């Protein structure tokens, strides 16, 4: 529970979804969410399909990857 609260709103745990998919994903397991992510037209969301499971380590790794991508895009 403590880990969930610590990581649930971190950037690495968030992805882009349309409203119709977002409602389906709320409080679902990662396996259920992956089925919804497959329907996405957003590459950033489809990138999540490579993960077997989802935990704080994966969230931290993804957050780091997203930060690296942002640095390249905006050349900070």
PDB file of N, CA and C in Angstrom:
ATOM      1  N   UNK A   1       0.822  -1.194   0.000  1.00  0.00           N
ATOM      2  CA  UNK A   1       0.000   0.000   0.000  1.00  0.00           C
ATOM      3  C   UNK A   1       0.867   1.261   0.000  1.00  0.00           C
ATOM      4  N   UNK A   2       1.911   1.278   0.828  1.00  0.00           N
ATOM      5  CA  UNK A   2       2.799   2.442   0.876  1.00  0.00           C
ATOM      6  C   UNK A   2       3.499   2.659  -0.454  1.00  0.00           C
ATOM      7  N   UNK A   3       3.948   1.573  -1.071  1.00  0.00           N
ATOM      8  CA  UNK A   3       4.613   1.678  -2.374  1.00  0.00           C
ATOM      9  C   UNK A   3       3.626   2.190  -3.408  1.00  0.00           C
ATOM     10  N   UNK A   4       2.418   1.674  -3.400  1.00  0.00           N
ATOM     11  CA  UNK A   4       1.390   2.131  -4.339  1.00  0.00           C
ATOM     12  C   UNK A   4       1.173   3.633  -4.213  1.00  0.00           C
ATOM     13  N   UNK A   5       0.994   4.105  -3.004  1.00  0.00           N
ATOM     14  CA  UNK A   5       0.765   5.534  -2.778  1.00  0.00           C
ATOM     15  C   UNK A   5       1.955   6.376  -3.218  1.00  0.00           C
ATOM     16  N   UNK A   6       3.157   5.839  -3.051  1.00  0.00           N
ATOM     17  CA  UNK A   6       4.365   6.572  -3.404  1.00  0.00           C
ATOM     18  C   UNK A   6       4.555   6.675  -4.922  1.00  0.00           C
ATOM     19  N   UNK A   7       4.090   5.690  -5.682  1.00  0.00           N
ATOM     20  CA  UNK A   7       4.383   5.636  -7.111  1.00  0.00           C
ATOM     21  C   UNK A   7       3.190   5.882  -8.030  1.00  0.00           C
ATOM     22  N   UNK A   8       1.990   5.872  -7.530  1.00  0.00           N
ATOM     23  CA  UNK A   8       0.799   5.906  -8.376  1.00  0.00           C
ATOM     24  C   UNK A   8       0.717   7.166  -9.246  1.00  0.00           C
ATOM     25  N   UNK A   9       1.177   8.297  -8.761  1.00  0.00           N
ATOM     26  CA  UNK A   9       1.062   9.542  -9.519  1.00  0.00           C
ATOM     27  C   UNK A   9       2.371   9.998 -10.151  1.00  0.00           C
ATOM     28  N   UNK A  10       3.373   9.178 -10.129  1.00  0.00           N
ATOM     29  CA  UNK A  10       4.649   9.538 -10.752  1.00  0.00           C
ATOM     30  C   UNK A  10       4.530   9.483 -12.271  1.00  0.00           C
ATOM     31  N   UNK A  11       5.320  10.317 -12.916  1.00  0.00           N
ATOM     32  CA  UNK A  11       5.287  10.398 -14.371  1.00  0.00           C
ATOM     33  C   UNK A  11       5.511   9.034 -15.028  1.00  0.00           C
ATOM     34  N   UNK A  12       6.415   8.248 -14.474  1.00  0.00           N
ATOM     35  CA  UNK A  12       6.698   6.935 -15.041  1.00  0.00           C
ATOM     36  C   UNK A  12       5.530   5.972 -14.977  1.00  0.00           C
ATOM     37  N   UNK A  13       4.545   6.256 -14.158  1.00  0.00           N
ATOM     38  CA  UNK A  13       3.376   5.400 -14.009  1.00  0.00           C
ATOM     39  C   UNK A  13       2.182   5.913 -14.814  1.00  0.00           C
ATOM     40  N   UNK A  14       2.356   7.018 -15.496  1.00  0.00           N
ATOM     41  CA  UNK A  14       1.266   7.611 -16.262  1.00  0.00           C
ATOM     42  C   UNK A  14       1.476   7.385 -17.755  1.00  0.00           C
ATOM     43  N   UNK A  15       0.389   7.318 -18.490  1.00  0.00           N
ATOM     44  CA  UNK A  15       0.483   7.206 -19.943  1.00  0.00           C
ATOM     45  C   UNK A  15      -0.701   7.923 -20.571  1.00  0.00           C
ATOM     46  N   UNK A  16      -0.593   8.165 -21.854  1.00  0.00           N
ATOM     47  CA  UNK A  16      -1.644   8.873 -22.573  1.00  0.00           C
ATOM     48  C   UNK A  16      -2.707   7.894 -23.049  1.00  0.00           C
ATOM     49  N   UNK A  17      -3.947   8.212 -22.734  1.00  0.00           N
ATOM     50  CA  UNK A  17      -5.089   7.415 -23.162  1.00  0.00           C
ATOM     51  C   UNK A  17      -6.249   8.349 -23.478  1.00  0.00           C
ATOM     52  N   UNK A  18      -7.084   7.950 -24.401  1.00  0.00           N
ATOM     53  CA  UNK A  18      -8.306   8.693 -24.630  1.00  0.00           C
ATOM     54  C   UNK A  18      -9.273   8.456 -23.485  1.00  0.00           C
ATOM     55  N   UNK A  19     -10.242   9.339 -23.337  1.00  0.00           N
ATOM     56  CA  UNK A  19     -11.210   9.211 -22.238  1.00  0.00           C
ATOM     57  C   UNK A  19     -11.898   7.857 -22.220  1.00  0.00           C
ATOM     58  N   UNK A  20     -12.207   7.331 -23.406  1.00  0.00           N
ATOM     59  CA  UNK A  20     -12.922   6.062 -23.453  1.00  0.00           C
ATOM     60  C   UNK A  20     -12.091   4.915 -22.882  1.00  0.00           C
ATOM     61  N   UNK A  21     -10.763   4.989 -23.015  1.00  0.00           N
ATOM     62  CA  UNK A  21      -9.892   3.951 -22.472  1.00  0.00           C
ATOM     63  C   UNK A  21      -9.542   4.228 -21.018  1.00  0.00           C
ATOM     64  N   UNK A  22      -9.415   5.483 -20.676  1.00  0.00           N
ATOM     65  CA  UNK A  22      -9.008   5.858 -19.326  1.00  0.00           C
ATOM     66  C   UNK A  22      -9.983   5.332 -18.278  1.00  0.00           C
ATOM     67  N   UNK A  23     -11.254   5.416 -18.555  1.00  0.00           N
ATOM     68  CA  UNK A  23     -12.266   4.929 -17.610  1.00  0.00           C
ATOM     69  C   UNK A  23     -12.162   3.418 -17.415  1.00  0.00           C
ATOM     70  N   UNK A  24     -11.820   2.700 -18.489  1.00  0.00           N
ATOM     71  CA  UNK A  24     -11.687   1.241 -18.388  1.00  0.00           C
ATOM     72  C   UNK A  24     -10.474   0.839 -17.564  1.00  0.00           C
ATOM     73  N   UNK A  25      -9.424   1.649 -17.614  1.00  0.00           N
ATOM     74  CA  UNK A  25      -8.168   1.303 -16.948  1.00  0.00           C
ATOM     75  C   UNK A  25      -8.157   1.588 -15.455  1.00  0.00           C
ATOM     76  N   UNK A  26      -8.962   2.493 -15.013  1.00  0.00           N
ATOM     77  CA  UNK A  26      -8.936   2.894 -13.612  1.00  0.00           C
ATOM     78  C   UNK A  26      -9.066   1.677 -12.700  1.00  0.00           C
ATOM     79  N   UNK A  27      -8.090   1.528 -11.821  1.00  0.00           N
ATOM     80  CA  UNK A  27      -8.065   0.454 -10.813  1.00  0.00           C
ATOM     81  C   UNK A  27      -8.049  -0.961 -11.395  1.00  0.00           C
ATOM     82  N   UNK A  28      -7.646  -1.110 -12.644  1.00  0.00           N
ATOM     83  CA  UNK A  28      -7.529  -2.442 -13.248  1.00  0.00           C
ATOM     84  C   UNK A  28      -6.128  -2.994 -13.028  1.00  0.00           C
ATOM     85  N   UNK A  29      -5.986  -4.298 -13.176  1.00  0.00           N
ATOM     86  CA  UNK A  29      -4.670  -4.917 -13.083  1.00  0.00           C
ATOM     87  C   UNK A  29      -3.853  -4.561 -14.323  1.00  0.00           C
ATOM     88  N   UNK A  30      -2.541  -4.749 -14.227  1.00  0.00           N
ATOM     89  CA  UNK A  30      -1.672  -4.420 -15.357  1.00  0.00           C
ATOM     90  C   UNK A  30      -2.016  -5.270 -16.578  1.00  0.00           C
ATOM     91  N   UNK A  31      -2.359  -6.530 -16.393  1.00  0.00           N
ATOM     92  CA  UNK A  31      -2.724  -7.386 -17.528  1.00  0.00           C
ATOM     93  C   UNK A  31      -3.960  -6.854 -18.254  1.00  0.00           C
ATOM     94  N   UNK A  32      -4.930  -6.383 -17.524  1.00  0.00           N
ATOM     95  CA  UNK A  32      -6.133  -5.797 -18.132  1.00  0.00           C
ATOM     96  C   UNK A  32      -5.751  -4.510 -18.865  1.00  0.00           C
ATOM     97  N   UNK A  33      -4.933  -3.689 -18.241  1.00  0.00           N
ATOM     98  CA  UNK A  33      -4.508  -2.434 -18.868  1.00  0.00           C
ATOM     99  C   UNK A  33      -3.745  -2.690 -20.165  1.00  0.00           C
ATOM    100  N   UNK A  34      -2.911  -3.731 -20.179  1.00  0.00           N
ATOM    101  CA  UNK A  34      -2.150  -4.031 -21.395  1.00  0.00           C
ATOM    102  C   UNK A  34      -3.070  -4.316 -22.574  1.00  0.00           C
ATOM    103  N   UNK A  35      -4.170  -4.976 -22.333  1.00  0.00           N
ATOM    104  CA  UNK A  35      -5.132  -5.245 -23.404  1.00  0.00           C
ATOM    105  C   UNK A  35      -5.701  -3.935 -23.956  1.00  0.00           C
ATOM    106  N   UNK A  36      -5.897  -2.968 -23.095  1.00  0.00           N
ATOM    107  CA  UNK A  36      -6.388  -1.660 -23.523  1.00  0.00           C
ATOM    108  C   UNK A  36      -5.280  -0.888 -24.234  1.00  0.00           C
ATOM    109  N   UNK A  37      -4.046  -0.975 -23.727  1.00  0.00           N
ATOM    110  CA  UNK A  37      -2.919  -0.288 -24.357  1.00  0.00           C
ATOM    111  C   UNK A  37      -2.708  -0.764 -25.793  1.00  0.00           C
ATOM    112  N   UNK A  38      -3.002  -2.029 -26.070  1.00  0.00           N
ATOM    113  CA  UNK A  38      -2.859  -2.568 -27.431  1.00  0.00           C
ATOM    114  C   UNK A  38      -3.708  -1.801 -28.437  1.00  0.00           C
ATOM    115  N   UNK A  39      -4.801  -1.242 -27.987  1.00  0.00           N
ATOM    116  CA  UNK A  39      -5.731  -0.528 -28.865  1.00  0.00           C
ATOM    117  C   UNK A  39      -5.302   0.915 -29.118  1.00  0.00           C
ATOM    118  N   UNK A  40      -4.297   1.384 -28.409  1.00  0.00           N
ATOM    119  CA  UNK A  40      -3.877   2.774 -28.497  1.00  0.00           C
ATOM    120  C   UNK A  40      -3.170   3.069 -29.820  1.00  0.00           C
ATOM    121  N   UNK A  41      -3.310   4.281 -30.284  1.00  0.00           N
ATOM    122  CA  UNK A  41      -2.580   4.761 -31.459  1.00  0.00           C
ATOM    123  C   UNK A  41      -1.340   5.553 -31.047  1.00  0.00           C
ATOM    124  N   UNK A  42      -1.059   5.587 -29.775  1.00  0.00           N
ATOM    125  CA  UNK A  42       0.050   6.373 -29.234  1.00  0.00           C
ATOM    126  C   UNK A  42       1.218   5.438 -28.931  1.00  0.00           C
ATOM    127  N   UNK A  43       2.344   5.660 -29.612  1.00  0.00           N
ATOM    128  CA  UNK A  43       3.513   4.796 -29.435  1.00  0.00           C
ATOM    129  C   UNK A  43       3.995   4.761 -27.988  1.00  0.00           C
ATOM    130  N   UNK A  44       3.963   5.885 -27.318  1.00  0.00           N
ATOM    131  CA  UNK A  44       4.407   5.959 -25.931  1.00  0.00           C
ATOM    132  C   UNK A  44       3.602   5.009 -25.045  1.00  0.00           C
ATOM    133  N   UNK A  45       2.328   4.861 -25.346  1.00  0.00           N
ATOM    134  CA  UNK A  45       1.476   3.939 -24.605  1.00  0.00           C
ATOM    135  C   UNK A  45       1.742   2.499 -25.029  1.00  0.00           C
ATOM    136  N   UNK A  46       1.891   2.273 -26.321  1.00  0.00           N
ATOM    137  CA  UNK A  46       2.170   0.914 -26.801  1.00  0.00           C
ATOM    138  C   UNK A  46       3.509   0.391 -26.303  1.00  0.00           C
ATOM    139  N   UNK A  47       4.433   1.289 -25.990  1.00  0.00           N
ATOM    140  CA  UNK A  47       5.730   0.868 -25.447  1.00  0.00           C
ATOM    141  C   UNK A  47       5.577   0.074 -24.155  1.00  0.00           C
ATOM    142  N   UNK A  48       4.488   0.261 -23.457  1.00  0.00           N
ATOM    143  CA  UNK A  48       4.251  -0.454 -22.197  1.00  0.00           C
ATOM    144  C   UNK A  48       3.982  -1.947 -22.407  1.00  0.00           C
ATOM    145  N   UNK A  49       3.695  -2.345 -23.627  1.00  0.00           N
ATOM    146  CA  UNK A  49       3.371  -3.746 -23.901  1.00  0.00           C
ATOM    147  C   UNK A  49       4.573  -4.675 -23.720  1.00  0.00           C
ATOM    148  N   UNK A  50       5.781  -4.143 -23.721  1.00  0.00           N
ATOM    149  CA  UNK A  50       6.972  -4.985 -23.566  1.00  0.00           C
ATOM    150  C   UNK A  50       7.161  -5.481 -22.134  1.00  0.00           C
ATOM    151  N   UNK A  51       6.493  -4.848 -21.198  1.00  0.00           N
ATOM    152  CA  UNK A  51       6.654  -5.217 -19.790  1.00  0.00           C
ATOM    153  C   UNK A  51       5.804  -6.431 -19.437  1.00  0.00           C
ATOM    154  N   UNK A  52       6.403  -7.361 -18.713  1.00  0.00           N
ATOM    155  CA  UNK A  52       5.693  -8.548 -18.228  1.00  0.00           C
ATOM    156  C   UNK A  52       4.852  -8.210 -16.997  1.00  0.00           C
ATOM    157  N   UNK A  53       5.419  -7.358 -16.150  1.00  0.00           N
ATOM    158  CA  UNK A  53       4.730  -6.937 -14.935  1.00  0.00           C
ATOM    159  C   UNK A  53       5.034  -5.463 -14.704  1.00  0.00           C
ATOM    160  N   UNK A  54       4.425  -4.906 -13.679  1.00  0.00           N
ATOM    161  CA  UNK A  54       4.554  -3.471 -13.421  1.00  0.00           C
ATOM    162  C   UNK A  54       4.759  -3.271 -11.931  1.00  0.00           C
ATOM    163  N   UNK A  55       5.882  -2.643 -11.571  1.00  0.00           N
ATOM    164  CA  UNK A  55       6.195  -2.412 -10.169  1.00  0.00           C
ATOM    165  C   UNK A  55       7.007  -1.124 -10.032  1.00  0.00           C
ATOM    166  N   UNK A  56       7.435  -0.821  -8.817  1.00  0.00           N
ATOM    167  CA  UNK A  56       8.136   0.439  -8.589  1.00  0.00           C
ATOM    168  C   UNK A  56       9.453   0.540  -9.365  1.00  0.00           C
ATOM    169  N   UNK A  57      10.103  -0.595  -9.610  1.00  0.00           N
ATOM    170  CA  UNK A  57      11.366  -0.578 -10.354  1.00  0.00           C
ATOM    171  C   UNK A  57      11.127  -0.239 -11.823  1.00  0.00           C
ATOM    172  N   UNK A  58      10.079  -0.797 -12.381  1.00  0.00           N
ATOM    173  CA  UNK A  58       9.728  -0.502 -13.775  1.00  0.00           C
ATOM    174  C   UNK A  58       9.282   0.958 -13.918  1.00  0.00           C
ATOM    175  N   UNK A  59       8.562   1.438 -12.925  1.00  0.00           N
ATOM    176  CA  UNK A  59       8.109   2.834 -12.957  1.00  0.00           C
ATOM    177  C   UNK A  59       9.315   3.773 -12.931  1.00  0.00           C
ATOM    178  N   UNK A  60      10.281   3.491 -12.070  1.00  0.00           N
ATOM    179  CA  UNK A  60      11.491   4.325 -12.006  1.00  0.00           C
ATOM    180  C   UNK A  60      12.269   4.270 -13.314  1.00  0.00           C
ATOM    181  N   UNK A  61      12.400   3.079 -13.890  1.00  0.00           N
ATOM    182  CA  UNK A  61      13.114   2.941 -15.166  1.00  0.00           C
ATOM    183  C   UNK A  61      12.414   3.714 -16.274  1.00  0.00           C
ATOM    184  N   UNK A  62      11.095   3.570 -16.336  1.00  0.00           N
ATOM    185  CA  UNK A  62      10.344   4.274 -17.378  1.00  0.00           C
ATOM    186  C   UNK A  62      10.415   5.779 -17.173  1.00  0.00           C
ATOM    187  N   UNK A  63      10.354   6.213 -15.929  1.00  0.00           N
ATOM    188  CA  UNK A  63      10.440   7.640 -15.652  1.00  0.00           C
ATOM    189  C   UNK A  63      11.787   8.189 -16.112  1.00  0.00           C
ATOM    190  N   UNK A  64      12.837   7.450 -15.896  1.00  0.00           N
ATOM    191  CA  UNK A  64      14.167   7.856 -16.356  1.00  0.00           C
ATOM    192  C   UNK A  64      14.221   7.909 -17.881  1.00  0.00           C
ATOM    193  N   UNK A  65      13.651   6.900 -18.540  1.00  0.00           N
ATOM    194  CA  UNK A  65      13.610   6.883 -20.007  1.00  0.00           C
ATOM    195  C   UNK A  65      12.817   8.067 -20.553  1.00  0.00           C
ATOM    196  N   UNK A  66      11.693   8.384 -19.928  1.00  0.00           N
ATOM    197  CA  UNK A  66      10.891   9.519 -20.367  1.00  0.00           C
ATOM    198  C   UNK A  66      11.661  10.828 -20.187  1.00  0.00           C
ATOM    199  N   UNK A  67      12.404  10.942 -19.101  1.00  0.00           N
ATOM    200  CA  UNK A  67      13.217  12.146 -18.867  1.00  0.00           C
ATOM    201  C   UNK A  67      14.295  12.267 -19.939  1.00  0.00           C
ATOM    202  N   UNK A  68      14.936  11.144 -20.300  1.00  0.00           N
ATOM    203  CA  UNK A  68      15.950  11.158 -21.356  1.00  0.00           C
ATOM    204  C   UNK A  68      15.343  11.593 -22.688  1.00  0.00           C
ATOM    205  N   UNK A  69      14.173  11.072 -23.005  1.00  0.00           N
ATOM    206  CA  UNK A  69      13.491  11.452 -24.248  1.00  0.00           C
ATOM    207  C   UNK A  69      13.161  12.942 -24.251  1.00  0.00           C
ATOM    208  N   UNK A  70      12.688  13.445 -23.127  1.00  0.00           N
ATOM    209  CA  UNK A  70      12.354  14.869 -23.025  1.00  0.00           C
ATOM    210  C   UNK A  70      13.597  15.721 -23.210  1.00  0.00           C
ATOM    211  N   UNK A  71      14.704  15.320 -22.632  1.00  0.00           N
ATOM    212  CA  UNK A  71      15.959  16.080 -22.766  1.00  0.00           C
ATOM    213  C   UNK A  71      16.401  16.135 -24.212  1.00  0.00           C
ATOM    214  N   UNK A  72      16.228  15.034 -24.949  1.00  0.00           N
ATOM    215  CA  UNK A  72      16.609  15.013 -26.371  1.00  0.00           C
ATOM    216  C   UNK A  72      15.691  15.882 -27.211  1.00  0.00           C
ATOM    217  N   UNK A  73      14.410  15.814 -26.906  1.00  0.00           N
ATOM    218  CA  UNK A  73      13.423  16.586 -27.682  1.00  0.00           C
ATOM    219  C   UNK A  73      13.613  18.079 -27.467  1.00  0.00           C
ATOM    220  N   UNK A  74      13.759  18.485 -26.222  1.00  0.00           N
ATOM    221  CA  UNK A  74      13.836  19.906 -25.921  1.00  0.00           C
ATOM    222  C   UNK A  74      15.282  20.381 -25.714  1.00  0.00           C
ATOM    223  N   UNK A  75      16.249  19.476 -25.900  1.00  0.00           N
ATOM    224  CA  UNK A  75      17.681  19.807 -25.828  1.00  0.00           C
ATOM    225  C   UNK A  75      18.022  20.716 -24.655  1.00  0.00           C
ATOM    226  N   UNK A  76      17.650  20.265 -23.486  1.00  0.00           N
ATOM    227  CA  UNK A  76      17.918  21.031 -22.261  1.00  0.00           C
ATOM    228  C   UNK A  76      19.315  20.767 -21.790  1.00  0.00           C
TER     229      UNK A  76
END
